[in-house]
Structure formats: C-alpha cells, structure tokens
Amino acid sequence: MTSTKSRRLPRAVREQQMLDAAVAVFAEHGYHAASMDEIAERAGISKPMVYAYLGTKEELFAACIRRESELLMTAVAERIVGEMSADERLWQGLRAFLTFVAKHRDGWIVLYRQARSQGIPFAEQVASSRARMVQAVAALLGGAAQAERIEPSRGDVAAMATALVGAGEALADWIADHPDADPEAAAARLMNLVWLGFGTLLTGAQWTPPPHA
C-alpha cells in the first residue's frame, strides 16, 4: 500500500502548480481582484499551504513575475546559439519571443499589463528584465554595425534597441489579444520592418528631415 508520504509531490513541483494557478488567476482578474482562495482551489491545495510555500499575495505575485520573466528570457536565449549572422540572431530572437507570448498569454498579461500598472516594486522587476533585453539587442545591433565597419554612436544603438524592444512588446501585446494570430508571421512582419531599415543604415544611408519652408 502506498503511504501518504510517498504520494506527496516534491516541493518544487508543488510550487510550480501554485504559480501556474496564480498566473492564471492574476491574468483573469488582475492583482487586486485576484483571490488567494481561488488560487488555492485551482492549484488543488489549501490556502494555508499557499501562504506556507510562497508567502503573502504580494510575495506570490512577485514570484509570478520572476518566473514568467525568466521563462521568457530563457526561451529567447535558447534559440540564439552557435554561429549566426546578426539578422538570423534577431530573427530567431523575435520568433522565440512572440511564440512564447502566444503559448503563455496569461504570463504575458501578468508581466506586461498587471505588473507594470501596480507600481513599485513590481514595475521595477519588469523594468529590470526589460533593461536586460534592451542591452542584448543593443549588443546585437552594435556587433552588426561593426561587422560592416560602421561605428554608430552608443546613443544611436541604445535608442534603436529600445525602439525595437518597444515594437516587439506592442506586437506581443497584440498577439495576446488575438489567439488565432500566427507568431511566426508576426515576427516576419516585424523583421521586415526593422531589418530592412537597419540593414540600410549599415550601408551608411540616412534619412534627413526636409528643410523648413
């Protein structure tokens, strides 16, 4: 006969179940309206166990942000491996990013909509993760420019990386609202918009505003 102890799930597995349930509830109801009772019910455990494992509602929400952020960053990093050209690295990163959002809509809603609107400390967690992504994109763009023997200013590269990440976030938010959207097709659209422009910049071409009349 199997003992009660042997049927117990490992702590790490149980915590992931709680976080899965919490992300779903936070995404559906928002942080303030989310109920710890509903989170416990969806996880199939008692509410005291949620508190014992992951702490208060605020601590649980912070844990959800950390996990979803790390899952997103890992999903992108895993697709950018080995020797790749700059455009292929960007393409693979965009595909991984938007595919992750399509598969984890609740996680994206918690990160992009809920956490940002709740102020400190939640917004700071998201800002830190976003800064890492901007730095990675800036390094990619800077490396591409150097390969073409072009030396853009650090400010130009940082601005372009910030704009690219912002465009990716906006498109990801659109995908979260359109379950039938094809994330790979969306990534291709963004890649065309971004790389055709950036690729031209690598040749030294620049657009300049028309003179005032």
N, C-alpha and C. Protein backbone atom coordinates (compact mmCIF):
# COMPACT_ATOMS: atom_id res chain seq x y z
N MET A 1 0.85 -1.19 0.00
CA MET A 1 0.00 0.00 0.00
C MET A 1 0.89 1.25 0.00
N THR A 2 0.55 2.24 -0.89
CA THR A 2 1.34 3.46 -0.98
C THR A 2 1.06 4.36 0.20
N SER A 3 2.11 4.82 0.86
CA SER A 3 1.93 5.69 2.02
C SER A 3 1.58 7.09 1.58
N THR A 4 0.99 7.86 2.50
CA THR A 4 0.66 9.26 2.22
C THR A 4 1.90 10.04 1.88
N LYS A 5 2.99 9.76 2.60
CA LYS A 5 4.24 10.48 2.39
C LYS A 5 4.78 10.26 0.99
N SER A 6 4.68 9.01 0.47
CA SER A 6 5.24 8.71 -0.85
C SER A 6 4.43 9.37 -1.96
N ARG A 7 3.15 9.70 -1.66
CA ARG A 7 2.30 10.34 -2.67
C ARG A 7 2.50 11.84 -2.71
N ARG A 8 3.22 12.38 -1.77
CA ARG A 8 3.42 13.82 -1.74
C ARG A 8 4.32 14.26 -2.89
N LEU A 9 3.93 15.36 -3.51
CA LEU A 9 4.74 15.89 -4.59
C LEU A 9 5.95 16.64 -4.05
N PRO A 10 7.06 16.62 -4.78
CA PRO A 10 8.22 17.41 -4.35
C PRO A 10 7.83 18.88 -4.23
N ARG A 11 8.50 19.57 -3.34
CA ARG A 11 8.17 20.97 -3.11
C ARG A 11 8.24 21.80 -4.40
N ALA A 12 9.29 21.58 -5.20
CA ALA A 12 9.46 22.36 -6.42
C ALA A 12 8.28 22.16 -7.38
N VAL A 13 7.79 20.94 -7.48
CA VAL A 13 6.65 20.65 -8.36
C VAL A 13 5.40 21.32 -7.82
N ARG A 14 5.20 21.23 -6.52
CA ARG A 14 4.03 21.85 -5.89
C ARG A 14 4.05 23.36 -6.08
N GLU A 15 5.22 23.96 -5.95
CA GLU A 15 5.32 25.41 -6.12
C GLU A 15 4.98 25.83 -7.54
N GLN A 16 5.42 25.02 -8.52
CA GLN A 16 5.10 25.35 -9.91
C GLN A 16 3.59 25.25 -10.15
N GLN A 17 2.94 24.31 -9.53
CA GLN A 17 1.48 24.20 -9.64
C GLN A 17 0.81 25.44 -9.08
N MET A 18 1.30 25.91 -7.95
CA MET A 18 0.75 27.12 -7.33
C MET A 18 0.97 28.33 -8.23
N LEU A 19 2.18 28.43 -8.79
CA LEU A 19 2.47 29.56 -9.65
C LEU A 19 1.64 29.52 -10.93
N ASP A 20 1.44 28.32 -11.49
CA ASP A 20 0.58 28.19 -12.66
C ASP A 20 -0.82 28.71 -12.36
N ALA A 21 -1.36 28.28 -11.23
CA ALA A 21 -2.70 28.71 -10.83
C ALA A 21 -2.73 30.22 -10.58
N ALA A 22 -1.72 30.73 -9.91
CA ALA A 22 -1.68 32.15 -9.58
C ALA A 22 -1.60 33.01 -10.85
N VAL A 23 -0.76 32.62 -11.79
CA VAL A 23 -0.64 33.38 -13.04
C VAL A 23 -1.98 33.43 -13.76
N ALA A 24 -2.69 32.31 -13.80
CA ALA A 24 -3.98 32.27 -14.47
C ALA A 24 -4.99 33.19 -13.78
N VAL A 25 -5.02 33.16 -12.46
CA VAL A 25 -5.98 33.98 -11.71
C VAL A 25 -5.62 35.47 -11.80
N PHE A 26 -4.34 35.81 -11.67
CA PHE A 26 -3.93 37.20 -11.78
C PHE A 26 -4.23 37.75 -13.18
N ALA A 27 -4.00 36.93 -14.20
CA ALA A 27 -4.26 37.37 -15.57
C ALA A 27 -5.75 37.59 -15.80
N GLU A 28 -6.56 36.75 -15.20
CA GLU A 28 -8.01 36.83 -15.41
C GLU A 28 -8.65 37.97 -14.63
N HIS A 29 -8.24 38.15 -13.39
CA HIS A 29 -8.92 39.11 -12.52
C HIS A 29 -8.13 40.37 -12.21
N GLY A 30 -6.82 40.35 -12.45
CA GLY A 30 -5.99 41.46 -12.02
C GLY A 30 -5.50 41.24 -10.60
N TYR A 31 -4.45 41.97 -10.23
CA TYR A 31 -3.81 41.75 -8.93
C TYR A 31 -4.77 41.98 -7.77
N HIS A 32 -5.45 43.11 -7.77
CA HIS A 32 -6.28 43.46 -6.60
C HIS A 32 -7.50 42.55 -6.45
N ALA A 33 -8.11 42.17 -7.58
CA ALA A 33 -9.31 41.35 -7.50
C ALA A 33 -9.01 39.86 -7.37
N ALA A 34 -7.78 39.47 -7.60
CA ALA A 34 -7.42 38.05 -7.50
C ALA A 34 -7.58 37.58 -6.06
N SER A 35 -8.11 36.39 -5.93
CA SER A 35 -8.38 35.82 -4.60
C SER A 35 -7.42 34.68 -4.30
N MET A 36 -6.84 34.71 -3.12
CA MET A 36 -5.98 33.60 -2.70
C MET A 36 -6.78 32.31 -2.57
N ASP A 37 -8.05 32.43 -2.24
CA ASP A 37 -8.92 31.24 -2.17
C ASP A 37 -9.03 30.59 -3.54
N GLU A 38 -9.23 31.41 -4.58
CA GLU A 38 -9.36 30.84 -5.93
C GLU A 38 -8.03 30.26 -6.40
N ILE A 39 -6.93 30.92 -6.07
CA ILE A 39 -5.62 30.39 -6.45
C ILE A 39 -5.40 29.02 -5.81
N ALA A 40 -5.71 28.91 -4.53
CA ALA A 40 -5.55 27.63 -3.84
C ALA A 40 -6.45 26.57 -4.45
N GLU A 41 -7.68 26.95 -4.77
CA GLU A 41 -8.63 25.99 -5.35
C GLU A 41 -8.14 25.49 -6.71
N ARG A 42 -7.65 26.40 -7.54
CA ARG A 42 -7.17 25.99 -8.86
C ARG A 42 -5.92 25.11 -8.76
N ALA A 43 -5.10 25.37 -7.74
CA ALA A 43 -3.90 24.56 -7.55
C ALA A 43 -4.22 23.23 -6.89
N GLY A 44 -5.44 23.09 -6.37
CA GLY A 44 -5.84 21.86 -5.71
C GLY A 44 -5.21 21.66 -4.35
N ILE A 45 -4.98 22.78 -3.65
CA ILE A 45 -4.38 22.70 -2.32
C ILE A 45 -5.13 23.64 -1.39
N SER A 46 -4.73 23.64 -0.12
CA SER A 46 -5.36 24.54 0.84
C SER A 46 -4.72 25.92 0.80
N LYS A 47 -5.47 26.93 1.17
CA LYS A 47 -4.92 28.29 1.19
C LYS A 47 -3.75 28.41 2.16
N PRO A 48 -3.81 27.82 3.35
CA PRO A 48 -2.64 27.90 4.24
C PRO A 48 -1.37 27.36 3.61
N MET A 49 -1.50 26.34 2.72
CA MET A 49 -0.32 25.80 2.08
C MET A 49 0.29 26.81 1.11
N VAL A 50 -0.56 27.60 0.43
CA VAL A 50 -0.06 28.63 -0.47
C VAL A 50 0.77 29.63 0.32
N TYR A 51 0.24 30.06 1.46
CA TYR A 51 0.97 31.01 2.31
C TYR A 51 2.27 30.39 2.82
N ALA A 52 2.22 29.12 3.17
CA ALA A 52 3.40 28.46 3.73
C ALA A 52 4.51 28.33 2.69
N TYR A 53 4.13 28.07 1.44
CA TYR A 53 5.12 27.86 0.40
C TYR A 53 5.62 29.17 -0.22
N LEU A 54 4.69 30.07 -0.53
CA LEU A 54 5.06 31.24 -1.33
C LEU A 54 4.75 32.58 -0.66
N GLY A 55 4.22 32.55 0.54
CA GLY A 55 4.04 33.79 1.28
C GLY A 55 2.74 34.50 0.98
N THR A 56 2.76 35.80 1.19
CA THR A 56 1.58 36.63 1.02
C THR A 56 1.19 36.77 -0.44
N LYS A 57 0.07 37.41 -0.67
CA LYS A 57 -0.36 37.66 -2.04
C LYS A 57 0.66 38.50 -2.79
N GLU A 58 1.22 39.50 -2.12
CA GLU A 58 2.23 40.34 -2.74
C GLU A 58 3.47 39.53 -3.10
N GLU A 59 3.91 38.66 -2.20
CA GLU A 59 5.08 37.83 -2.47
C GLU A 59 4.79 36.82 -3.57
N LEU A 60 3.58 36.30 -3.61
CA LEU A 60 3.19 35.36 -4.66
C LEU A 60 3.20 36.04 -6.02
N PHE A 61 2.67 37.26 -6.08
CA PHE A 61 2.65 38.00 -7.33
C PHE A 61 4.08 38.28 -7.82
N ALA A 62 4.95 38.65 -6.89
CA ALA A 62 6.36 38.90 -7.23
C ALA A 62 7.01 37.63 -7.76
N ALA A 63 6.68 36.49 -7.16
CA ALA A 63 7.23 35.20 -7.62
C ALA A 63 6.74 34.88 -9.03
N CYS A 64 5.50 35.22 -9.32
CA CYS A 64 4.96 35.00 -10.67
C CYS A 64 5.71 35.84 -11.69
N ILE A 65 5.99 37.10 -11.34
CA ILE A 65 6.71 37.98 -12.25
C ILE A 65 8.11 37.44 -12.52
N ARG A 66 8.79 37.02 -11.45
CA ARG A 66 10.15 36.48 -11.62
C ARG A 66 10.14 35.25 -12.52
N ARG A 67 9.20 34.34 -12.27
CA ARG A 67 9.20 33.11 -13.06
C ARG A 67 8.89 33.38 -14.52
N GLU A 68 7.85 34.18 -14.80
CA GLU A 68 7.48 34.43 -16.18
C GLU A 68 8.58 35.18 -16.92
N SER A 69 9.23 36.10 -16.23
CA SER A 69 10.33 36.84 -16.84
C SER A 69 11.49 35.91 -17.20
N GLU A 70 11.84 35.02 -16.29
CA GLU A 70 12.95 34.09 -16.54
C GLU A 70 12.59 33.10 -17.64
N LEU A 71 11.35 32.64 -17.66
CA LEU A 71 10.93 31.72 -18.72
C LEU A 71 11.03 32.39 -20.09
N LEU A 72 10.63 33.65 -20.15
CA LEU A 72 10.69 34.39 -21.40
C LEU A 72 12.13 34.59 -21.86
N MET A 73 12.98 35.03 -20.95
CA MET A 73 14.38 35.26 -21.31
C MET A 73 15.07 33.96 -21.72
N THR A 74 14.75 32.87 -21.04
CA THR A 74 15.34 31.57 -21.37
C THR A 74 14.88 31.10 -22.74
N ALA A 75 13.59 31.29 -23.04
CA ALA A 75 13.05 30.87 -24.33
C ALA A 75 13.76 31.58 -25.48
N VAL A 76 14.07 32.85 -25.29
CA VAL A 76 14.77 33.61 -26.33
C VAL A 76 16.22 33.16 -26.43
N ALA A 77 16.90 33.03 -25.28
CA ALA A 77 18.32 32.68 -25.27
C ALA A 77 18.56 31.31 -25.89
N GLU A 78 17.63 30.38 -25.68
CA GLU A 78 17.82 29.03 -26.20
C GLU A 78 17.78 28.96 -27.72
N ARG A 79 17.17 29.96 -28.36
CA ARG A 79 17.09 29.95 -29.82
C ARG A 79 18.28 30.64 -30.47
N ILE A 80 19.05 31.37 -29.68
CA ILE A 80 20.19 32.09 -30.24
C ILE A 80 21.47 31.40 -29.79
N VAL A 81 21.84 30.37 -30.51
CA VAL A 81 23.02 29.57 -30.15
C VAL A 81 23.90 29.37 -31.37
N GLY A 82 25.18 29.13 -31.13
CA GLY A 82 26.09 28.86 -32.22
C GLY A 82 26.39 30.09 -33.05
N GLU A 83 27.01 29.86 -34.19
CA GLU A 83 27.39 30.94 -35.10
C GLU A 83 26.19 31.35 -35.94
N MET A 84 25.78 32.60 -35.80
CA MET A 84 24.66 33.13 -36.57
C MET A 84 24.99 34.54 -37.03
N SER A 85 24.47 34.89 -38.19
CA SER A 85 24.59 36.28 -38.64
C SER A 85 23.70 37.15 -37.76
N ALA A 86 23.91 38.45 -37.80
CA ALA A 86 23.14 39.36 -36.96
C ALA A 86 21.65 39.28 -37.28
N ASP A 87 21.30 39.22 -38.57
CA ASP A 87 19.87 39.17 -38.91
C ASP A 87 19.24 37.85 -38.48
N GLU A 88 20.01 36.75 -38.55
CA GLU A 88 19.45 35.47 -38.11
C GLU A 88 19.26 35.46 -36.59
N ARG A 89 20.20 36.04 -35.86
CA ARG A 89 20.06 36.12 -34.40
C ARG A 89 18.81 36.92 -34.03
N LEU A 90 18.61 38.03 -34.71
CA LEU A 90 17.44 38.86 -34.42
C LEU A 90 16.16 38.12 -34.79
N TRP A 91 16.18 37.46 -35.93
CA TRP A 91 15.00 36.70 -36.39
C TRP A 91 14.65 35.59 -35.40
N GLN A 92 15.66 34.83 -34.98
CA GLN A 92 15.39 33.74 -34.05
C GLN A 92 14.90 34.28 -32.70
N GLY A 93 15.47 35.42 -32.29
CA GLY A 93 15.02 36.02 -31.03
C GLY A 93 13.58 36.48 -31.10
N LEU A 94 13.20 37.14 -32.19
CA LEU A 94 11.83 37.60 -32.35
C LEU A 94 10.86 36.42 -32.42
N ARG A 95 11.22 35.39 -33.17
CA ARG A 95 10.37 34.20 -33.26
C ARG A 95 10.15 33.58 -31.89
N ALA A 96 11.22 33.43 -31.13
CA ALA A 96 11.11 32.83 -29.80
C ALA A 96 10.27 33.68 -28.88
N PHE A 97 10.48 34.99 -28.92
CA PHE A 97 9.75 35.92 -28.07
C PHE A 97 8.25 35.87 -28.34
N LEU A 98 7.87 36.01 -29.60
CA LEU A 98 6.44 36.06 -29.94
C LEU A 98 5.78 34.69 -29.81
N THR A 99 6.53 33.63 -30.08
CA THR A 99 5.98 32.29 -29.88
C THR A 99 5.73 32.03 -28.41
N PHE A 100 6.63 32.48 -27.56
CA PHE A 100 6.44 32.33 -26.11
C PHE A 100 5.16 33.04 -25.67
N VAL A 101 4.97 34.26 -26.14
CA VAL A 101 3.77 35.01 -25.75
C VAL A 101 2.51 34.29 -26.23
N ALA A 102 2.54 33.77 -27.46
CA ALA A 102 1.37 33.06 -27.98
C ALA A 102 1.02 31.84 -27.15
N LYS A 103 2.05 31.18 -26.59
CA LYS A 103 1.83 29.98 -25.80
C LYS A 103 1.60 30.28 -24.32
N HIS A 104 1.98 31.45 -23.87
CA HIS A 104 1.87 31.81 -22.45
C HIS A 104 1.19 33.17 -22.30
N ARG A 105 -0.01 33.26 -22.84
CA ARG A 105 -0.70 34.55 -22.83
C ARG A 105 -0.93 35.07 -21.42
N ASP A 106 -1.30 34.18 -20.51
CA ASP A 106 -1.53 34.61 -19.12
C ASP A 106 -0.25 35.19 -18.52
N GLY A 107 0.87 34.54 -18.79
CA GLY A 107 2.14 35.03 -18.27
C GLY A 107 2.46 36.41 -18.82
N TRP A 108 2.21 36.64 -20.11
CA TRP A 108 2.48 37.94 -20.71
C TRP A 108 1.58 39.02 -20.11
N ILE A 109 0.31 38.67 -19.90
CA ILE A 109 -0.62 39.64 -19.32
C ILE A 109 -0.17 40.04 -17.91
N VAL A 110 0.30 39.07 -17.14
CA VAL A 110 0.80 39.38 -15.80
C VAL A 110 2.02 40.29 -15.89
N LEU A 111 2.94 39.99 -16.81
CA LEU A 111 4.16 40.78 -16.94
C LEU A 111 3.90 42.16 -17.52
N TYR A 112 3.21 42.22 -18.65
CA TYR A 112 3.13 43.45 -19.42
C TYR A 112 2.01 44.38 -18.94
N ARG A 113 0.89 43.78 -18.52
CA ARG A 113 -0.24 44.63 -18.14
C ARG A 113 -0.40 44.78 -16.64
N GLN A 114 -0.32 43.67 -15.92
CA GLN A 114 -0.57 43.73 -14.49
C GLN A 114 0.60 44.32 -13.71
N ALA A 115 1.78 43.74 -13.88
CA ALA A 115 2.93 44.16 -13.07
C ALA A 115 3.27 45.63 -13.29
N ARG A 116 3.24 46.07 -14.53
CA ARG A 116 3.60 47.46 -14.84
C ARG A 116 2.64 48.46 -14.20
N SER A 117 1.41 48.06 -14.02
CA SER A 117 0.41 49.00 -13.50
C SER A 117 0.34 49.03 -11.98
N GLN A 118 1.10 48.17 -11.31
CA GLN A 118 0.99 48.07 -9.86
C GLN A 118 2.05 48.89 -9.12
N GLY A 119 2.93 49.55 -9.86
CA GLY A 119 3.93 50.40 -9.21
C GLY A 119 5.03 49.59 -8.55
N ILE A 120 5.82 50.28 -7.72
CA ILE A 120 6.94 49.65 -7.02
C ILE A 120 6.39 48.63 -6.02
N PRO A 121 7.01 47.46 -5.87
CA PRO A 121 8.26 47.01 -6.50
C PRO A 121 8.05 46.21 -7.78
N PHE A 122 6.78 45.94 -8.13
CA PHE A 122 6.52 45.06 -9.27
C PHE A 122 7.00 45.65 -10.58
N ALA A 123 6.71 46.92 -10.80
CA ALA A 123 7.14 47.57 -12.04
C ALA A 123 8.65 47.57 -12.17
N GLU A 124 9.34 47.68 -11.04
CA GLU A 124 10.81 47.66 -11.07
C GLU A 124 11.34 46.32 -11.53
N GLN A 125 10.67 45.23 -11.12
CA GLN A 125 11.10 43.90 -11.56
C GLN A 125 11.00 43.78 -13.08
N VAL A 126 9.89 44.26 -13.64
CA VAL A 126 9.70 44.19 -15.08
C VAL A 126 10.70 45.10 -15.79
N ALA A 127 10.94 46.29 -15.23
CA ALA A 127 11.89 47.22 -15.85
C ALA A 127 13.28 46.63 -15.89
N SER A 128 13.67 45.90 -14.85
CA SER A 128 14.99 45.27 -14.82
C SER A 128 15.11 44.22 -15.91
N SER A 129 14.07 43.41 -16.08
CA SER A 129 14.07 42.39 -17.12
C SER A 129 14.11 43.03 -18.50
N ARG A 130 13.37 44.11 -18.67
CA ARG A 130 13.33 44.80 -19.96
C ARG A 130 14.69 45.40 -20.27
N ALA A 131 15.36 45.93 -19.27
CA ALA A 131 16.69 46.53 -19.47
C ALA A 131 17.68 45.47 -19.97
N ARG A 132 17.57 44.25 -19.45
CA ARG A 132 18.44 43.18 -19.91
C ARG A 132 18.19 42.88 -21.39
N MET A 133 16.92 42.91 -21.79
CA MET A 133 16.60 42.62 -23.18
C MET A 133 17.10 43.74 -24.10
N VAL A 134 16.95 44.98 -23.66
CA VAL A 134 17.45 46.10 -24.45
C VAL A 134 18.96 46.00 -24.62
N GLN A 135 19.66 45.66 -23.55
CA GLN A 135 21.12 45.51 -23.62
C GLN A 135 21.52 44.43 -24.61
N ALA A 136 20.78 43.32 -24.60
CA ALA A 136 21.10 42.22 -25.52
C ALA A 136 20.89 42.64 -26.97
N VAL A 137 19.80 43.35 -27.23
CA VAL A 137 19.53 43.80 -28.60
C VAL A 137 20.55 44.85 -29.02
N ALA A 138 20.92 45.74 -28.10
CA ALA A 138 21.92 46.76 -28.41
C ALA A 138 23.25 46.12 -28.78
N ALA A 139 23.63 45.06 -28.05
CA ALA A 139 24.87 44.35 -28.36
C ALA A 139 24.79 43.72 -29.75
N LEU A 140 23.64 43.17 -30.09
CA LEU A 140 23.46 42.56 -31.41
C LEU A 140 23.58 43.61 -32.51
N LEU A 141 22.89 44.74 -32.36
CA LEU A 141 22.92 45.79 -33.37
C LEU A 141 24.32 46.40 -33.48
N GLY A 142 24.96 46.60 -32.34
CA GLY A 142 26.30 47.16 -32.35
C GLY A 142 27.28 46.24 -33.05
N GLY A 143 27.15 44.93 -32.80
CA GLY A 143 28.02 43.96 -33.46
C GLY A 143 27.79 43.92 -34.95
N ALA A 144 26.53 44.05 -35.37
CA ALA A 144 26.22 44.06 -36.79
C ALA A 144 26.83 45.28 -37.47
N ALA A 145 26.77 46.41 -36.80
CA ALA A 145 27.34 47.63 -37.36
C ALA A 145 28.85 47.52 -37.49
N GLN A 146 29.49 46.99 -36.48
CA GLN A 146 30.95 46.85 -36.51
C GLN A 146 31.39 45.89 -37.61
N ALA A 147 30.58 44.84 -37.85
CA ALA A 147 30.91 43.89 -38.92
C ALA A 147 30.92 44.58 -40.28
N GLU A 148 30.13 45.66 -40.40
CA GLU A 148 30.09 46.42 -41.65
C GLU A 148 31.04 47.61 -41.62
N ARG A 149 31.90 47.63 -40.58
CA ARG A 149 32.87 48.71 -40.42
C ARG A 149 32.21 50.07 -40.28
N ILE A 150 31.09 50.08 -39.57
CA ILE A 150 30.40 51.32 -39.26
C ILE A 150 30.43 51.50 -37.76
N GLU A 151 30.65 52.70 -37.31
CA GLU A 151 30.74 52.98 -35.88
C GLU A 151 29.62 53.92 -35.45
N PRO A 152 28.43 53.39 -35.22
CA PRO A 152 27.35 54.26 -34.74
C PRO A 152 27.64 54.69 -33.31
N SER A 153 27.04 55.79 -32.90
CA SER A 153 27.24 56.24 -31.52
C SER A 153 26.51 55.31 -30.57
N ARG A 154 27.01 55.28 -29.34
CA ARG A 154 26.36 54.44 -28.34
C ARG A 154 24.90 54.85 -28.15
N GLY A 155 24.66 56.15 -28.22
CA GLY A 155 23.29 56.63 -28.06
C GLY A 155 22.38 56.16 -29.17
N ASP A 156 22.90 56.13 -30.41
CA ASP A 156 22.09 55.66 -31.54
C ASP A 156 21.72 54.19 -31.37
N VAL A 157 22.69 53.37 -30.99
CA VAL A 157 22.44 51.94 -30.82
C VAL A 157 21.44 51.71 -29.68
N ALA A 158 21.63 52.41 -28.57
CA ALA A 158 20.71 52.25 -27.44
C ALA A 158 19.30 52.68 -27.81
N ALA A 159 19.18 53.76 -28.57
CA ALA A 159 17.86 54.25 -28.98
C ALA A 159 17.18 53.24 -29.91
N MET A 160 17.94 52.71 -30.87
CA MET A 160 17.37 51.74 -31.79
C MET A 160 16.97 50.45 -31.07
N ALA A 161 17.79 50.01 -30.12
CA ALA A 161 17.46 48.80 -29.36
C ALA A 161 16.20 49.01 -28.53
N THR A 162 16.08 50.18 -27.92
CA THR A 162 14.89 50.48 -27.12
C THR A 162 13.64 50.51 -28.00
N ALA A 163 13.77 51.11 -29.18
CA ALA A 163 12.64 51.17 -30.10
C ALA A 163 12.23 49.77 -30.57
N LEU A 164 13.23 48.94 -30.84
CA LEU A 164 12.94 47.57 -31.31
C LEU A 164 12.23 46.76 -30.22
N VAL A 165 12.75 46.85 -28.99
CA VAL A 165 12.11 46.12 -27.90
C VAL A 165 10.68 46.63 -27.68
N GLY A 166 10.49 47.94 -27.78
CA GLY A 166 9.15 48.50 -27.63
C GLY A 166 8.20 48.00 -28.70
N ALA A 167 8.69 47.93 -29.95
CA ALA A 167 7.86 47.42 -31.04
C ALA A 167 7.51 45.95 -30.80
N GLY A 168 8.50 45.18 -30.33
CA GLY A 168 8.24 43.77 -30.04
C GLY A 168 7.20 43.60 -28.94
N GLU A 169 7.28 44.43 -27.92
CA GLU A 169 6.31 44.36 -26.82
C GLU A 169 4.91 44.71 -27.31
N ALA A 170 4.80 45.74 -28.14
CA ALA A 170 3.49 46.13 -28.66
C ALA A 170 2.89 45.01 -29.51
N LEU A 171 3.72 44.38 -30.33
CA LEU A 171 3.22 43.29 -31.17
C LEU A 171 2.86 42.08 -30.31
N ALA A 172 3.65 41.81 -29.28
CA ALA A 172 3.34 40.71 -28.38
C ALA A 172 2.01 40.95 -27.67
N ASP A 173 1.77 42.19 -27.27
CA ASP A 173 0.51 42.51 -26.60
C ASP A 173 -0.67 42.31 -27.55
N TRP A 174 -0.45 42.60 -28.83
CA TRP A 174 -1.49 42.37 -29.83
C TRP A 174 -1.75 40.87 -29.99
N ILE A 175 -0.69 40.08 -30.01
CA ILE A 175 -0.83 38.63 -30.13
C ILE A 175 -1.60 38.07 -28.93
N ALA A 176 -1.35 38.62 -27.75
CA ALA A 176 -2.05 38.14 -26.56
C ALA A 176 -3.56 38.32 -26.69
N ASP A 177 -4.00 39.31 -27.46
CA ASP A 177 -5.43 39.56 -27.65
C ASP A 177 -6.00 38.86 -28.88
N HIS A 178 -5.14 38.21 -29.65
CA HIS A 178 -5.59 37.54 -30.88
C HIS A 178 -5.08 36.10 -30.88
N PRO A 179 -5.82 35.19 -30.25
CA PRO A 179 -5.38 33.79 -30.13
C PRO A 179 -5.11 33.10 -31.46
N ASP A 180 -5.75 33.58 -32.54
CA ASP A 180 -5.55 32.94 -33.85
C ASP A 180 -4.34 33.49 -34.60
N ALA A 181 -3.68 34.49 -34.05
CA ALA A 181 -2.55 35.10 -34.74
C ALA A 181 -1.39 34.12 -34.83
N ASP A 182 -0.68 34.17 -35.94
CA ASP A 182 0.49 33.32 -36.17
C ASP A 182 1.73 34.08 -35.69
N PRO A 183 2.36 33.64 -34.59
CA PRO A 183 3.50 34.39 -34.07
C PRO A 183 4.69 34.45 -35.03
N GLU A 184 4.87 33.40 -35.84
CA GLU A 184 5.99 33.41 -36.79
C GLU A 184 5.75 34.42 -37.90
N ALA A 185 4.51 34.52 -38.37
CA ALA A 185 4.19 35.51 -39.39
C ALA A 185 4.34 36.92 -38.82
N ALA A 186 3.94 37.09 -37.56
CA ALA A 186 4.10 38.40 -36.92
C ALA A 186 5.57 38.75 -36.78
N ALA A 187 6.39 37.78 -36.43
CA ALA A 187 7.83 38.02 -36.30
C ALA A 187 8.43 38.41 -37.65
N ALA A 188 7.95 37.78 -38.72
CA ALA A 188 8.45 38.10 -40.06
C ALA A 188 8.09 39.54 -40.44
N ARG A 189 6.88 39.96 -40.08
CA ARG A 189 6.48 41.34 -40.38
C ARG A 189 7.37 42.33 -39.66
N LEU A 190 7.60 42.06 -38.39
CA LEU A 190 8.44 42.97 -37.61
C LEU A 190 9.88 42.94 -38.11
N MET A 191 10.34 41.76 -38.50
CA MET A 191 11.70 41.63 -39.02
C MET A 191 11.86 42.46 -40.29
N ASN A 192 10.86 42.41 -41.17
CA ASN A 192 10.90 43.21 -42.39
C ASN A 192 10.92 44.70 -42.07
N LEU A 193 10.10 45.08 -41.13
CA LEU A 193 10.03 46.50 -40.76
C LEU A 193 11.36 46.97 -40.18
N VAL A 194 11.94 46.15 -39.31
CA VAL A 194 13.15 46.56 -38.59
C VAL A 194 14.40 46.35 -39.42
N TRP A 195 14.59 45.14 -39.94
CA TRP A 195 15.88 44.83 -40.53
C TRP A 195 16.10 45.51 -41.87
N LEU A 196 15.03 45.67 -42.66
CA LEU A 196 15.22 46.38 -43.92
C LEU A 196 15.68 47.81 -43.67
N GLY A 197 15.14 48.39 -42.61
CA GLY A 197 15.58 49.74 -42.25
C GLY A 197 16.98 49.73 -41.66
N PHE A 198 17.25 48.83 -40.73
CA PHE A 198 18.56 48.79 -40.10
C PHE A 198 19.63 48.36 -41.09
N GLY A 199 19.26 47.41 -41.96
CA GLY A 199 20.22 46.96 -42.95
C GLY A 199 20.66 48.09 -43.86
N THR A 200 19.73 49.00 -44.18
CA THR A 200 20.08 50.16 -44.98
C THR A 200 21.01 51.09 -44.21
N LEU A 201 20.75 51.24 -42.93
CA LEU A 201 21.61 52.09 -42.10
C LEU A 201 23.04 51.55 -42.08
N LEU A 202 23.19 50.24 -42.17
CA LEU A 202 24.52 49.65 -42.14
C LEU A 202 25.34 50.02 -43.38
N THR A 203 24.67 50.45 -44.43
CA THR A 203 25.40 50.90 -45.63
C THR A 203 25.83 52.35 -45.51
N GLY A 204 25.41 53.00 -44.43
CA GLY A 204 25.76 54.40 -44.23
C GLY A 204 24.68 55.36 -44.65
N ALA A 205 23.57 54.84 -45.21
CA ALA A 205 22.48 55.72 -45.65
C ALA A 205 21.72 56.26 -44.44
N GLN A 206 21.25 57.46 -44.57
CA GLN A 206 20.46 58.07 -43.50
C GLN A 206 19.36 58.93 -44.10
N TRP A 207 18.22 58.95 -43.40
CA TRP A 207 17.14 59.86 -43.78
C TRP A 207 17.34 61.15 -43.03
N THR A 208 17.11 62.26 -43.69
CA THR A 208 17.22 63.55 -43.02
C THR A 208 15.92 64.31 -43.19
N PRO A 209 15.50 65.04 -42.19
CA PRO A 209 14.25 65.80 -42.31
C PRO A 209 14.33 66.82 -43.43
N PRO A 210 13.21 67.08 -44.10
CA PRO A 210 13.22 68.10 -45.16
C PRO A 210 13.44 69.48 -44.55
N PRO A 211 14.05 70.38 -45.31
CA PRO A 211 14.29 71.73 -44.78
C PRO A 211 12.97 72.46 -44.57
N HIS A 212 12.96 73.35 -43.61
CA HIS A 212 11.75 74.13 -43.36
C HIS A 212 11.50 75.07 -44.54
N ALA A 213 10.25 75.24 -44.85
CA ALA A 213 9.90 76.14 -45.94
C ALA A 213 10.25 77.57 -45.55
